[in-house]
N, C-alpha and C. Protein backbone atom coordinates (compact mmCIF):
# COMPACT_ATOMS: atom_id res chain seq x y z
N MET A 1 0.84 -1.17 0.00
CA MET A 1 0.00 0.00 0.00
C MET A 1 0.89 1.24 0.00
N ALA A 2 0.54 2.20 -0.83
CA ALA A 2 1.34 3.41 -0.96
C ALA A 2 1.11 4.35 0.22
N HIS A 3 2.18 5.03 0.63
CA HIS A 3 2.11 6.01 1.71
C HIS A 3 2.49 7.37 1.15
N PRO A 4 1.79 8.42 1.55
CA PRO A 4 2.13 9.74 1.04
C PRO A 4 3.46 10.23 1.62
N LYS A 5 4.26 10.88 0.77
CA LYS A 5 5.53 11.43 1.25
C LYS A 5 5.32 12.80 1.88
N ARG A 6 4.28 13.51 1.46
CA ARG A 6 4.03 14.84 1.97
C ARG A 6 2.54 14.97 2.33
N LYS A 7 2.26 15.90 3.23
CA LYS A 7 0.88 16.18 3.62
C LYS A 7 0.16 16.86 2.45
N THR A 8 -1.07 16.43 2.18
CA THR A 8 -1.89 17.08 1.15
C THR A 8 -2.47 18.35 1.76
N SER A 9 -2.21 19.48 1.09
CA SER A 9 -2.68 20.76 1.62
C SER A 9 -4.20 20.86 1.54
N LYS A 10 -4.75 21.76 2.33
CA LYS A 10 -6.21 21.96 2.32
C LYS A 10 -6.68 22.43 0.96
N GLN A 11 -5.90 23.30 0.33
CA GLN A 11 -6.29 23.83 -0.97
C GLN A 11 -6.32 22.72 -2.03
N ARG A 12 -5.31 21.87 -2.03
CA ARG A 12 -5.25 20.77 -3.00
C ARG A 12 -6.38 19.78 -2.76
N ARG A 13 -6.64 19.47 -1.49
CA ARG A 13 -7.73 18.55 -1.14
C ARG A 13 -9.07 19.12 -1.58
N ASN A 14 -9.30 20.40 -1.31
CA ASN A 14 -10.57 21.02 -1.66
C ASN A 14 -10.77 21.13 -3.16
N LYS A 15 -9.69 21.34 -3.92
CA LYS A 15 -9.79 21.39 -5.38
C LYS A 15 -10.27 20.05 -5.93
N ARG A 16 -9.82 18.98 -5.32
CA ARG A 16 -10.20 17.65 -5.76
C ARG A 16 -11.68 17.37 -5.48
N ARG A 17 -12.21 17.97 -4.44
CA ARG A 17 -13.60 17.71 -4.03
C ARG A 17 -14.63 18.64 -4.66
N THR A 18 -14.23 19.55 -5.52
CA THR A 18 -15.17 20.54 -6.06
C THR A 18 -16.16 19.97 -7.06
N HIS A 19 -15.93 18.82 -7.61
CA HIS A 19 -16.76 18.30 -8.70
C HIS A 19 -18.02 17.61 -8.23
N TYR A 20 -18.16 17.40 -6.92
CA TYR A 20 -19.36 16.75 -6.38
C TYR A 20 -20.54 17.70 -6.44
N LYS A 21 -21.65 17.22 -6.99
CA LYS A 21 -22.86 18.04 -7.04
C LYS A 21 -24.01 17.22 -6.45
N ALA A 22 -24.65 17.77 -5.44
CA ALA A 22 -25.81 17.11 -4.86
C ALA A 22 -27.00 17.34 -5.78
N THR A 23 -27.80 16.30 -6.03
CA THR A 23 -28.96 16.42 -6.90
C THR A 23 -30.24 16.33 -6.07
N ALA A 24 -31.21 17.07 -6.48
CA ALA A 24 -32.51 17.04 -5.80
C ALA A 24 -33.23 15.75 -6.17
N PRO A 25 -33.99 15.15 -5.25
CA PRO A 25 -34.71 13.92 -5.58
C PRO A 25 -35.79 14.19 -6.62
N THR A 26 -36.00 13.21 -7.50
CA THR A 26 -37.02 13.37 -8.53
C THR A 26 -38.41 13.14 -7.92
N VAL A 27 -39.35 13.95 -8.34
CA VAL A 27 -40.70 13.86 -7.80
C VAL A 27 -41.71 13.68 -8.93
N MET A 28 -42.87 13.18 -8.56
CA MET A 28 -43.97 13.01 -9.52
C MET A 28 -45.26 13.35 -8.80
N ASN A 29 -46.35 13.33 -9.54
CA ASN A 29 -47.67 13.57 -8.94
C ASN A 29 -48.34 12.23 -8.68
N CYS A 30 -49.00 12.12 -7.55
CA CYS A 30 -49.72 10.89 -7.18
C CYS A 30 -50.84 10.64 -8.19
N GLN A 31 -50.99 9.39 -8.61
CA GLN A 31 -52.04 9.04 -9.58
C GLN A 31 -53.42 9.14 -8.96
N ASN A 32 -53.51 9.00 -7.64
CA ASN A 32 -54.79 9.00 -6.98
C ASN A 32 -55.25 10.41 -6.56
N CYS A 33 -54.39 11.14 -5.84
CA CYS A 33 -54.83 12.43 -5.29
C CYS A 33 -54.12 13.63 -5.91
N GLY A 34 -53.04 13.42 -6.65
CA GLY A 34 -52.34 14.52 -7.30
C GLY A 34 -51.30 15.21 -6.45
N ALA A 35 -51.04 14.70 -5.24
CA ALA A 35 -50.02 15.29 -4.37
C ALA A 35 -48.63 14.98 -4.92
N THR A 36 -47.65 15.82 -4.58
CA THR A 36 -46.27 15.60 -5.01
C THR A 36 -45.63 14.51 -4.16
N VAL A 37 -45.06 13.49 -4.82
CA VAL A 37 -44.49 12.33 -4.14
C VAL A 37 -43.15 12.00 -4.77
N GLN A 38 -42.18 11.54 -3.96
CA GLN A 38 -40.92 11.06 -4.48
C GLN A 38 -41.16 9.74 -5.21
N TYR A 39 -40.33 9.47 -6.24
CA TYR A 39 -40.45 8.21 -6.97
C TYR A 39 -40.26 7.03 -6.02
N HIS A 40 -40.95 5.94 -6.27
CA HIS A 40 -40.85 4.69 -5.53
C HIS A 40 -41.17 4.85 -4.05
N ARG A 41 -42.09 5.76 -3.72
CA ARG A 41 -42.52 5.96 -2.34
C ARG A 41 -44.05 5.95 -2.29
N VAL A 42 -44.59 5.56 -1.14
CA VAL A 42 -46.03 5.60 -0.92
C VAL A 42 -46.42 7.06 -0.72
N CYS A 43 -47.55 7.45 -1.27
CA CYS A 43 -48.04 8.83 -1.13
C CYS A 43 -48.36 9.10 0.34
N PRO A 44 -47.77 10.17 0.92
CA PRO A 44 -48.05 10.45 2.33
C PRO A 44 -49.47 10.99 2.56
N GLU A 45 -50.10 11.51 1.52
CA GLU A 45 -51.44 12.08 1.66
C GLU A 45 -52.53 11.02 1.68
N CYS A 46 -52.50 10.11 0.67
CA CYS A 46 -53.60 9.15 0.54
C CYS A 46 -53.18 7.69 0.78
N GLY A 47 -51.87 7.40 0.80
CA GLY A 47 -51.41 6.04 1.08
C GLY A 47 -51.41 5.12 -0.13
N HIS A 48 -51.52 5.66 -1.35
CA HIS A 48 -51.51 4.83 -2.55
C HIS A 48 -50.11 4.72 -3.13
N TYR A 49 -49.84 3.60 -3.80
CA TYR A 49 -48.59 3.37 -4.52
C TYR A 49 -48.91 2.64 -5.80
N LYS A 50 -48.51 3.20 -6.93
CA LYS A 50 -48.79 2.64 -8.26
C LYS A 50 -50.28 2.39 -8.47
N GLY A 51 -51.11 3.30 -7.98
CA GLY A 51 -52.54 3.21 -8.19
C GLY A 51 -53.27 2.26 -7.26
N LYS A 52 -52.56 1.63 -6.33
CA LYS A 52 -53.19 0.70 -5.39
C LYS A 52 -53.00 1.20 -3.97
N LEU A 53 -53.94 0.87 -3.09
CA LEU A 53 -53.86 1.27 -1.69
C LEU A 53 -52.77 0.45 -1.00
N ALA A 54 -51.77 1.14 -0.45
CA ALA A 54 -50.67 0.48 0.21
C ALA A 54 -50.75 0.64 1.72
N LEU A 55 -51.16 1.82 2.19
CA LEU A 55 -51.30 2.09 3.61
C LEU A 55 -52.69 2.60 3.91
N GLU A 56 -53.27 2.07 4.95
CA GLU A 56 -54.59 2.53 5.39
C GLU A 56 -54.37 3.78 6.24
N LYS A 57 -54.89 4.92 5.78
CA LYS A 57 -54.71 6.16 6.52
C LYS A 57 -55.83 6.33 7.52
N GLU A 58 -55.47 6.75 8.75
CA GLU A 58 -56.47 6.99 9.79
C GLU A 58 -57.03 8.39 9.63
N VAL A 59 -58.32 8.53 9.75
CA VAL A 59 -58.97 9.83 9.65
C VAL A 59 -59.09 10.42 11.05
N SER A 60 -58.44 11.58 11.26
CA SER A 60 -58.51 12.21 12.58
C SER A 60 -59.70 13.17 12.61
N ALA A 61 -60.54 13.02 13.63
CA ALA A 61 -61.73 13.85 13.72
C ALA A 61 -61.62 14.90 14.79
């Protein structure tokens, strides 16, 4: 395994890390209620996933 001969400076280290870009998660509209939902997730509003009921939502009165 290779060992560094010199300490990597903060500037050199930070230059190497500049290319990382965080991406926002992709979203879609729920097929049942039209709420905004992340892909491959159950709708938090109505509990549907791919047009089928996945979670039974409790109605608070």
